[in-house]
Amino acid sequence: MEITPWIEWFVKMIIESQRETYVQVDFTLKKTRFFDCYKDEIDGRQMRVIQRMFKEVPSGFEGGMNARKYMALTKVSKATATRDIQDLVEKGVFLPLGGGRSTRYELSL
């Protein structure tokens, strides 16, 4: 009755669970600080987009946010999407990545 392999597997699972828990707790704290900092500066439409982006974090919102995705999530015109995104950049909520037409944005955590 050799139980060494089972004990090794069990210890690995415990360590992996602790790592995942640490990542989730760290993310929850960042999210809480984020909303504490920006809750009074973000309107409802922007909040909807940010909450959708948070659903994908910590792994990341695939491809980042751009005007086309913003328009699809909020059902607004390109001009409104661009204005909202620029407002979020100025407030420090979004960090621009890339440049020109291929600019995308990530949350500033």
Protein backbone atom coordinates (compact mmCIF):
# COMPACT_ATOMS: atom_id res chain seq x y z
CA MET A 1 0.00 0.00 0.00
CA GLU A 2 2.14 2.83 -1.30
CA ILE A 3 0.45 6.23 -0.85
CA THR A 4 3.40 8.48 -1.75
CA PRO A 5 2.10 9.30 -5.28
CA TRP A 6 -1.29 10.26 -3.86
CA ILE A 7 0.30 12.49 -1.20
CA GLU A 8 2.47 14.18 -3.86
CA TRP A 9 -0.62 14.79 -6.04
CA PHE A 10 -2.59 16.09 -3.06
CA VAL A 11 0.16 18.54 -2.04
CA LYS A 12 0.43 19.80 -5.65
CA MET A 13 -3.34 20.42 -5.70
CA ILE A 14 -3.17 22.35 -2.42
CA ILE A 15 -0.33 24.55 -3.71
CA GLU A 16 -2.15 25.18 -7.00
CA SER A 17 -5.34 26.10 -5.13
CA GLN A 18 -3.42 28.54 -2.95
CA ARG A 19 -1.92 30.21 -6.03
CA GLU A 20 -5.32 30.55 -7.70
CA THR A 21 -6.81 31.93 -4.51
CA TYR A 22 -4.02 34.51 -4.26
CA VAL A 23 -4.68 35.64 -7.85
CA GLN A 24 -8.42 35.98 -7.20
CA VAL A 25 -7.97 37.87 -3.92
CA ASP A 26 -5.41 40.20 -5.54
CA PHE A 27 -7.79 40.84 -8.45
CA THR A 28 -10.71 41.51 -6.11
CA LEU A 29 -8.67 44.04 -4.16
CA LYS A 30 -7.58 45.80 -7.39
CA LYS A 31 -11.17 45.89 -8.62
CA THR A 32 -12.38 47.34 -5.32
CA ARG A 33 -9.70 50.03 -5.36
CA PHE A 34 -10.54 50.79 -8.99
CA PHE A 35 -14.24 51.36 -8.30
CA ASP A 36 -13.50 53.34 -5.13
CA CYS A 37 -11.27 55.63 -7.17
CA TYR A 38 -13.46 56.10 -10.27
CA LYS A 39 -17.07 55.45 -9.18
CA ASP A 40 -18.07 59.13 -9.23
CA GLU A 41 -16.31 59.88 -12.54
CA ILE A 42 -17.84 57.17 -14.74
CA ASP A 43 -21.28 57.41 -16.33
CA GLY A 44 -23.67 54.46 -16.78
CA ARG A 45 -22.64 53.65 -20.34
CA GLN A 46 -18.96 53.66 -19.45
CA MET A 47 -19.67 51.59 -16.34
CA ARG A 48 -21.39 48.90 -18.47
CA VAL A 49 -18.29 48.60 -20.66
CA ILE A 50 -15.91 48.53 -17.70
CA GLN A 51 -17.96 45.87 -15.92
CA ARG A 52 -17.93 43.77 -19.09
CA MET A 53 -14.15 44.14 -19.28
CA PHE A 54 -13.81 43.11 -15.64
CA LYS A 55 -15.58 39.84 -16.42
CA GLU A 56 -12.56 38.87 -18.52
CA VAL A 57 -9.86 40.01 -16.12
CA PRO A 58 -7.38 38.84 -14.77
CA SER A 59 -6.72 36.94 -18.00
CA GLY A 60 -7.62 40.01 -20.06
CA PHE A 61 -10.29 41.29 -22.42
CA GLU A 62 -9.34 39.64 -25.71
CA GLY A 63 -7.78 42.20 -28.05
CA GLY A 64 -8.44 45.04 -25.62
CA MET A 65 -11.26 47.57 -26.00
CA ASN A 66 -11.64 49.60 -29.17
CA ALA A 67 -14.30 51.87 -30.63
CA ARG A 68 -15.97 49.05 -32.58
CA LYS A 69 -16.35 46.87 -29.47
CA TYR A 70 -17.50 49.86 -27.43
CA MET A 71 -20.16 50.61 -30.05
CA ALA A 72 -21.36 47.00 -30.01
CA LEU A 73 -21.60 46.88 -26.20
CA THR A 74 -23.34 50.23 -25.76
CA LYS A 75 -25.28 50.67 -29.05
CA VAL A 76 -23.89 54.18 -29.61
CA SER A 77 -22.44 55.96 -32.64
CA LYS A 78 -18.74 55.90 -33.46
CA ALA A 79 -18.43 59.55 -32.44
CA THR A 80 -19.95 58.86 -29.02
CA ALA A 81 -17.82 55.74 -28.53
CA THR A 82 -14.66 57.66 -29.43
CA ARG A 83 -15.61 60.52 -27.10
CA ASP A 84 -16.36 58.13 -24.22
CA ILE A 85 -13.10 56.25 -24.73
CA GLN A 86 -11.10 59.47 -24.86
CA ASP A 87 -12.80 60.61 -21.65
CA LEU A 88 -11.80 57.33 -19.96
CA VAL A 89 -8.21 57.77 -21.15
CA GLU A 90 -8.08 61.32 -19.78
CA LYS A 91 -9.42 60.11 -16.43
CA GLY A 92 -6.79 57.38 -16.31
CA VAL A 93 -9.31 54.53 -16.50
CA PHE A 94 -8.06 53.23 -19.87
CA LEU A 95 -4.47 52.80 -20.98
CA PRO A 96 -3.96 53.09 -24.75
CA LEU A 97 -1.97 50.37 -26.47
CA GLY A 98 -0.67 50.71 -30.00
CA GLY A 99 -1.52 53.70 -32.11
CA GLY A 100 -3.52 55.04 -35.00
CA ARG A 101 -6.48 53.02 -36.20
CA SER A 102 -5.31 49.93 -34.36
CA THR A 103 -5.29 51.57 -30.92
CA ARG A 104 -6.85 49.43 -28.27
CA TYR A 105 -7.33 50.07 -24.57
CA GLU A 106 -6.88 48.13 -21.35
CA LEU A 107 -8.11 48.90 -17.87
CA SER A 108 -5.67 50.76 -15.69
CA LEU A 109 -5.33 48.47 -12.70
